[in-house]
Amino acid sequence: MLGLIKLGQAHFNSVGTGQSIAFTAFALCLIVAAFECRSETDSVLTTSTFDSKQMNWVALAQFVLAVLVTQMDGFRRILGTTEINVRQFGWALLASLVLLLLWELGKLLARRSRGV
């Protein structure tokens, strides 16, 4: 998250933009973590991942809130975020995708070490 704040400062000339990107990335990473924590070794990249309707609704709500926090004036004033554009949102999304890939790699290694 600190790297994203630095990215905002260096590439977008704004610490506030970097903080908003990092805040959004954190929210997206929480969604990844919620799905990944369902099993120590099973991949999240299966259709059974989405069997829980309640978890799907919560993940969708989390995603919507992650977007609204930087797009709606009321949320921005309350949380001190700034508006981010699609490119900046992409950086937040990239951070969550990196987390997903690393977590899946760890699970693959765990399956191989256990012979699963």
N, C-alpha and C. Protein backbone atom coordinates (compact mmCIF):
# COMPACT_ATOMS: atom_id res chain seq x y z
N MET A 1 0.83 -1.18 0.00
CA MET A 1 0.00 0.00 0.00
C MET A 1 0.88 1.25 0.00
N LEU A 2 2.01 1.15 0.71
CA LEU A 2 2.92 2.31 0.70
C LEU A 2 3.45 2.57 -0.70
N GLY A 3 3.69 1.51 -1.45
CA GLY A 3 4.15 1.66 -2.83
C GLY A 3 3.12 2.37 -3.69
N LEU A 4 1.86 2.11 -3.45
CA LEU A 4 0.81 2.78 -4.21
C LEU A 4 0.70 4.25 -3.84
N ILE A 5 0.95 4.56 -2.58
CA ILE A 5 0.96 5.97 -2.16
C ILE A 5 2.12 6.69 -2.85
N LYS A 6 3.27 6.03 -2.90
CA LYS A 6 4.44 6.61 -3.59
C LYS A 6 4.15 6.77 -5.08
N LEU A 7 3.45 5.78 -5.67
CA LEU A 7 3.09 5.86 -7.07
C LEU A 7 2.23 7.10 -7.33
N GLY A 8 1.26 7.33 -6.47
CA GLY A 8 0.41 8.51 -6.62
C GLY A 8 1.20 9.79 -6.53
N GLN A 9 2.15 9.81 -5.62
CA GLN A 9 2.98 11.00 -5.46
C GLN A 9 3.88 11.21 -6.67
N ALA A 10 4.50 10.13 -7.17
CA ALA A 10 5.47 10.26 -8.25
C ALA A 10 4.81 10.45 -9.62
N HIS A 11 3.76 9.69 -9.91
CA HIS A 11 3.17 9.70 -11.25
C HIS A 11 1.96 10.60 -11.40
N PHE A 12 1.29 10.89 -10.30
CA PHE A 12 0.08 11.70 -10.38
C PHE A 12 0.22 12.99 -9.58
N ASN A 13 1.42 13.25 -9.05
CA ASN A 13 1.73 14.47 -8.31
C ASN A 13 0.78 14.73 -7.15
N SER A 14 0.34 13.65 -6.50
CA SER A 14 -0.60 13.82 -5.41
C SER A 14 -0.53 12.65 -4.43
N VAL A 15 -0.18 12.98 -3.19
CA VAL A 15 -0.19 11.96 -2.14
C VAL A 15 -1.63 11.50 -1.90
N GLY A 16 -2.57 12.43 -1.98
CA GLY A 16 -3.99 12.10 -1.79
C GLY A 16 -4.48 11.09 -2.81
N THR A 17 -4.05 11.24 -4.06
CA THR A 17 -4.42 10.26 -5.09
C THR A 17 -3.81 8.91 -4.77
N GLY A 18 -2.56 8.92 -4.34
CA GLY A 18 -1.90 7.67 -3.96
C GLY A 18 -2.60 7.00 -2.79
N GLN A 19 -3.03 7.80 -1.82
CA GLN A 19 -3.75 7.25 -0.67
C GLN A 19 -5.10 6.67 -1.10
N SER A 20 -5.75 7.32 -2.03
CA SER A 20 -7.04 6.83 -2.52
C SER A 20 -6.87 5.53 -3.31
N ILE A 21 -5.81 5.46 -4.11
CA ILE A 21 -5.51 4.22 -4.83
C ILE A 21 -5.22 3.11 -3.83
N ALA A 22 -4.42 3.40 -2.82
CA ALA A 22 -4.07 2.39 -1.80
C ALA A 22 -5.30 1.96 -1.01
N PHE A 23 -6.16 2.90 -0.67
CA PHE A 23 -7.39 2.59 0.05
C PHE A 23 -8.27 1.65 -0.77
N THR A 24 -8.40 1.94 -2.05
CA THR A 24 -9.18 1.09 -2.95
C THR A 24 -8.53 -0.27 -3.09
N ALA A 25 -7.22 -0.31 -3.25
CA ALA A 25 -6.50 -1.58 -3.36
C ALA A 25 -6.69 -2.43 -2.11
N PHE A 26 -6.65 -1.80 -0.96
CA PHE A 26 -6.86 -2.52 0.30
C PHE A 26 -8.24 -3.16 0.32
N ALA A 27 -9.25 -2.42 -0.08
CA ALA A 27 -10.61 -2.95 -0.10
C ALA A 27 -10.72 -4.13 -1.07
N LEU A 28 -10.09 -4.02 -2.23
CA LEU A 28 -10.12 -5.11 -3.20
C LEU A 28 -9.34 -6.32 -2.70
N CYS A 29 -8.23 -6.08 -2.00
CA CYS A 29 -7.45 -7.18 -1.43
C CYS A 29 -8.23 -7.91 -0.34
N LEU A 30 -9.09 -7.21 0.36
CA LEU A 30 -9.95 -7.86 1.35
C LEU A 30 -10.91 -8.84 0.69
N ILE A 31 -11.39 -8.50 -0.49
CA ILE A 31 -12.26 -9.42 -1.23
C ILE A 31 -11.48 -10.67 -1.61
N VAL A 32 -10.29 -10.48 -2.14
CA VAL A 32 -9.43 -11.62 -2.50
C VAL A 32 -9.18 -12.49 -1.27
N ALA A 33 -8.84 -11.86 -0.16
CA ALA A 33 -8.54 -12.61 1.06
C ALA A 33 -9.75 -13.39 1.55
N ALA A 34 -10.93 -12.80 1.45
CA ALA A 34 -12.15 -13.49 1.91
C ALA A 34 -12.36 -14.78 1.13
N PHE A 35 -12.18 -14.74 -0.17
CA PHE A 35 -12.36 -15.94 -0.98
C PHE A 35 -11.20 -16.92 -0.80
N GLU A 36 -9.99 -16.41 -0.71
CA GLU A 36 -8.82 -17.28 -0.57
C GLU A 36 -8.77 -18.00 0.77
N CYS A 37 -9.30 -17.40 1.80
CA CYS A 37 -9.25 -18.00 3.14
C CYS A 37 -10.23 -19.15 3.33
N ARG A 38 -11.03 -19.41 2.36
CA ARG A 38 -12.00 -20.50 2.49
C ARG A 38 -11.32 -21.87 2.56
N SER A 39 -10.10 -21.98 2.02
CA SER A 39 -9.38 -23.25 2.06
C SER A 39 -7.88 -22.97 2.04
N GLU A 40 -7.13 -23.80 2.78
CA GLU A 40 -5.67 -23.63 2.80
C GLU A 40 -5.02 -24.10 1.51
N THR A 41 -5.63 -25.08 0.83
CA THR A 41 -4.99 -25.65 -0.36
C THR A 41 -5.83 -25.58 -1.63
N ASP A 42 -7.15 -25.50 -1.53
CA ASP A 42 -7.99 -25.49 -2.74
C ASP A 42 -7.91 -24.14 -3.44
N SER A 43 -7.81 -24.19 -4.75
CA SER A 43 -7.74 -22.98 -5.54
C SER A 43 -9.06 -22.24 -5.49
N VAL A 44 -8.98 -20.94 -5.52
CA VAL A 44 -10.17 -20.10 -5.57
C VAL A 44 -10.68 -20.01 -7.01
N LEU A 45 -9.91 -20.47 -7.95
CA LEU A 45 -10.24 -20.36 -9.37
C LEU A 45 -11.12 -21.52 -9.84
N THR A 46 -12.17 -21.80 -9.09
CA THR A 46 -13.15 -22.82 -9.45
C THR A 46 -14.55 -22.23 -9.29
N THR A 47 -15.52 -22.87 -9.91
CA THR A 47 -16.89 -22.37 -9.80
C THR A 47 -17.45 -22.56 -8.40
N SER A 48 -16.94 -23.53 -7.65
CA SER A 48 -17.45 -23.75 -6.29
C SER A 48 -17.11 -22.60 -5.35
N THR A 49 -16.18 -21.78 -5.76
CA THR A 49 -15.81 -20.61 -4.96
C THR A 49 -17.02 -19.72 -4.73
N PHE A 50 -17.90 -19.68 -5.69
CA PHE A 50 -19.04 -18.77 -5.64
C PHE A 50 -20.35 -19.46 -5.24
N ASP A 51 -20.24 -20.57 -4.52
CA ASP A 51 -21.42 -21.31 -4.06
C ASP A 51 -22.22 -20.57 -2.98
N SER A 52 -21.54 -19.75 -2.20
CA SER A 52 -22.22 -19.04 -1.11
C SER A 52 -22.81 -17.72 -1.61
N LYS A 53 -24.14 -17.68 -1.73
CA LYS A 53 -24.79 -16.45 -2.19
C LYS A 53 -24.52 -15.28 -1.26
N GLN A 54 -24.52 -15.56 0.04
CA GLN A 54 -24.29 -14.50 1.01
C GLN A 54 -22.89 -13.89 0.84
N MET A 55 -21.90 -14.76 0.66
CA MET A 55 -20.54 -14.26 0.48
C MET A 55 -20.42 -13.48 -0.83
N ASN A 56 -21.09 -13.94 -1.86
CA ASN A 56 -21.06 -13.23 -3.14
C ASN A 56 -21.66 -11.84 -3.01
N TRP A 57 -22.78 -11.70 -2.28
CA TRP A 57 -23.41 -10.39 -2.08
C TRP A 57 -22.50 -9.47 -1.27
N VAL A 58 -21.85 -10.04 -0.26
CA VAL A 58 -20.94 -9.22 0.56
C VAL A 58 -19.75 -8.76 -0.28
N ALA A 59 -19.20 -9.66 -1.11
CA ALA A 59 -18.07 -9.29 -1.97
C ALA A 59 -18.48 -8.21 -2.97
N LEU A 60 -19.68 -8.35 -3.53
CA LEU A 60 -20.17 -7.35 -4.47
C LEU A 60 -20.36 -6.00 -3.78
N ALA A 61 -20.94 -6.03 -2.58
CA ALA A 61 -21.12 -4.79 -1.82
C ALA A 61 -19.77 -4.15 -1.49
N GLN A 62 -18.79 -4.96 -1.13
CA GLN A 62 -17.43 -4.45 -0.84
C GLN A 62 -16.84 -3.79 -2.07
N PHE A 63 -17.03 -4.42 -3.23
CA PHE A 63 -16.50 -3.86 -4.47
C PHE A 63 -17.17 -2.52 -4.79
N VAL A 64 -18.49 -2.49 -4.67
CA VAL A 64 -19.22 -1.25 -4.94
C VAL A 64 -18.77 -0.14 -4.00
N LEU A 65 -18.63 -0.47 -2.73
CA LEU A 65 -18.16 0.54 -1.77
C LEU A 65 -16.74 1.00 -2.08
N ALA A 66 -15.89 0.07 -2.53
CA ALA A 66 -14.51 0.45 -2.90
C ALA A 66 -14.53 1.47 -4.03
N VAL A 67 -15.46 1.34 -4.94
CA VAL A 67 -15.58 2.30 -6.04
C VAL A 67 -16.19 3.61 -5.54
N LEU A 68 -17.27 3.51 -4.77
CA LEU A 68 -17.97 4.71 -4.31
C LEU A 68 -17.13 5.60 -3.41
N VAL A 69 -16.22 5.00 -2.66
CA VAL A 69 -15.39 5.76 -1.72
C VAL A 69 -14.56 6.81 -2.45
N THR A 70 -14.25 6.55 -3.70
CA THR A 70 -13.46 7.54 -4.44
C THR A 70 -14.27 8.26 -5.50
N GLN A 71 -15.55 7.91 -5.66
CA GLN A 71 -16.35 8.53 -6.72
C GLN A 71 -17.47 9.41 -6.19
N MET A 72 -17.96 9.15 -5.00
CA MET A 72 -19.06 9.95 -4.46
C MET A 72 -18.52 11.01 -3.50
N ASP A 73 -18.97 12.23 -3.73
CA ASP A 73 -18.48 13.36 -2.95
C ASP A 73 -18.66 13.16 -1.44
N GLY A 74 -19.81 12.63 -1.03
CA GLY A 74 -20.07 12.43 0.40
C GLY A 74 -19.07 11.48 1.04
N PHE A 75 -18.81 10.37 0.38
CA PHE A 75 -17.82 9.42 0.90
C PHE A 75 -16.42 10.03 0.91
N ARG A 76 -16.10 10.78 -0.16
CA ARG A 76 -14.77 11.40 -0.23
C ARG A 76 -14.56 12.38 0.92
N ARG A 77 -15.59 13.15 1.24
CA ARG A 77 -15.46 14.12 2.35
C ARG A 77 -15.31 13.39 3.69
N ILE A 78 -16.09 12.35 3.90
CA ILE A 78 -16.04 11.61 5.18
C ILE A 78 -14.69 10.91 5.36
N LEU A 79 -14.21 10.27 4.30
CA LEU A 79 -12.99 9.45 4.41
C LEU A 79 -11.72 10.15 3.96
N GLY A 80 -11.85 11.34 3.42
CA GLY A 80 -10.67 12.10 3.01
C GLY A 80 -10.01 11.55 1.76
N THR A 81 -10.78 10.86 0.91
CA THR A 81 -10.21 10.34 -0.33
C THR A 81 -10.39 11.37 -1.44
N THR A 82 -9.75 11.10 -2.55
CA THR A 82 -9.90 11.93 -3.73
C THR A 82 -10.44 11.07 -4.87
N GLU A 83 -10.99 11.71 -5.86
CA GLU A 83 -11.52 10.97 -7.01
C GLU A 83 -10.37 10.36 -7.79
N ILE A 84 -10.52 9.10 -8.17
CA ILE A 84 -9.51 8.46 -9.01
C ILE A 84 -10.16 8.07 -10.32
N ASN A 85 -9.35 8.06 -11.39
CA ASN A 85 -9.87 7.72 -12.70
C ASN A 85 -9.69 6.22 -12.97
N VAL A 86 -10.08 5.78 -14.14
CA VAL A 86 -10.04 4.36 -14.48
C VAL A 86 -8.60 3.84 -14.45
N ARG A 87 -7.67 4.60 -14.96
CA ARG A 87 -6.26 4.19 -14.95
C ARG A 87 -5.76 4.01 -13.52
N GLN A 88 -6.09 4.92 -12.65
CA GLN A 88 -5.67 4.83 -11.26
C GLN A 88 -6.36 3.67 -10.55
N PHE A 89 -7.64 3.43 -10.87
CA PHE A 89 -8.34 2.27 -10.33
C PHE A 89 -7.66 0.98 -10.81
N GLY A 90 -7.15 1.01 -12.02
CA GLY A 90 -6.42 -0.15 -12.56
C GLY A 90 -5.22 -0.52 -11.70
N TRP A 91 -4.54 0.48 -11.16
CA TRP A 91 -3.41 0.20 -10.26
C TRP A 91 -3.88 -0.51 -9.00
N ALA A 92 -5.01 -0.10 -8.48
CA ALA A 92 -5.57 -0.75 -7.29
C ALA A 92 -5.98 -2.18 -7.62
N LEU A 93 -6.59 -2.37 -8.78
CA LEU A 93 -6.99 -3.70 -9.22
C LEU A 93 -5.78 -4.59 -9.44
N LEU A 94 -4.72 -4.02 -10.01
CA LEU A 94 -3.49 -4.78 -10.23
C LEU A 94 -2.93 -5.31 -8.91
N ALA A 95 -2.95 -4.48 -7.88
CA ALA A 95 -2.44 -4.91 -6.57
C ALA A 95 -3.22 -6.11 -6.05
N SER A 96 -4.54 -6.11 -6.22
CA SER A 96 -5.34 -7.23 -5.74
C SER A 96 -5.12 -8.47 -6.60
N LEU A 97 -4.88 -8.29 -7.89
CA LEU A 97 -4.59 -9.43 -8.75
C LEU A 97 -3.23 -10.05 -8.43
N VAL A 98 -2.25 -9.23 -8.08
CA VAL A 98 -0.95 -9.74 -7.66
C VAL A 98 -1.11 -10.57 -6.38
N LEU A 99 -1.91 -10.06 -5.44
CA LEU A 99 -2.18 -10.82 -4.22
C LEU A 99 -2.82 -12.16 -4.56
N LEU A 100 -3.80 -12.16 -5.45
CA LEU A 100 -4.47 -13.39 -5.87
C LEU A 100 -3.47 -14.38 -6.45
N LEU A 101 -2.62 -13.92 -7.34
CA LEU A 101 -1.63 -14.81 -7.97
C LEU A 101 -0.64 -15.37 -6.95
N LEU A 102 -0.17 -14.53 -6.04
CA LEU A 102 0.76 -15.00 -5.02
C LEU A 102 0.10 -16.01 -4.09
N TRP A 103 -1.14 -15.76 -3.72
CA TRP A 103 -1.86 -16.67 -2.84
C TRP A 103 -2.09 -18.01 -3.54
N GLU A 104 -2.46 -17.96 -4.81
CA GLU A 104 -2.67 -19.20 -5.58
C GLU A 104 -1.36 -19.97 -5.74
N LEU A 105 -0.26 -19.28 -5.93
CA LEU A 105 1.04 -19.94 -6.01
C LEU A 105 1.36 -20.64 -4.69
N GLY A 106 1.10 -19.97 -3.59
CA GLY A 106 1.31 -20.57 -2.27
C GLY A 106 0.45 -21.81 -2.09
N LYS A 107 -0.78 -21.77 -2.54
CA LYS A 107 -1.66 -22.93 -2.43
C LYS A 107 -1.19 -24.08 -3.32
N LEU A 108 -0.70 -23.74 -4.50
CA LEU A 108 -0.16 -24.77 -5.40
C LEU A 108 1.02 -25.47 -4.74
N LEU A 109 1.91 -24.68 -4.15
CA LEU A 109 3.06 -25.27 -3.45
C LEU A 109 2.61 -26.12 -2.25
N ALA A 110 1.58 -25.66 -1.54
CA ALA A 110 1.05 -26.43 -0.41
C ALA A 110 0.46 -27.75 -0.87
N ARG A 111 -0.25 -27.73 -1.99
CA ARG A 111 -0.83 -28.98 -2.52
C ARG A 111 0.27 -29.94 -2.93
N ARG A 112 1.30 -29.43 -3.56
CA ARG A 112 2.41 -30.30 -4.01
C ARG A 112 3.17 -30.88 -2.83
N SER A 113 3.37 -30.09 -1.80
CA SER A 113 4.13 -30.59 -0.64
C SER A 113 3.33 -31.62 0.16
N ARG A 114 2.01 -31.52 0.09
CA ARG A 114 1.14 -32.49 0.80
C ARG A 114 0.75 -33.66 -0.09
N GLY A 115 1.07 -33.57 -1.37
CA GLY A 115 0.71 -34.63 -2.29
C GLY A 115 -0.77 -34.65 -2.62
N VAL A 116 -1.42 -33.48 -2.50
CA VAL A 116 -2.86 -33.38 -2.77
C VAL A 116 -3.10 -33.18 -4.24
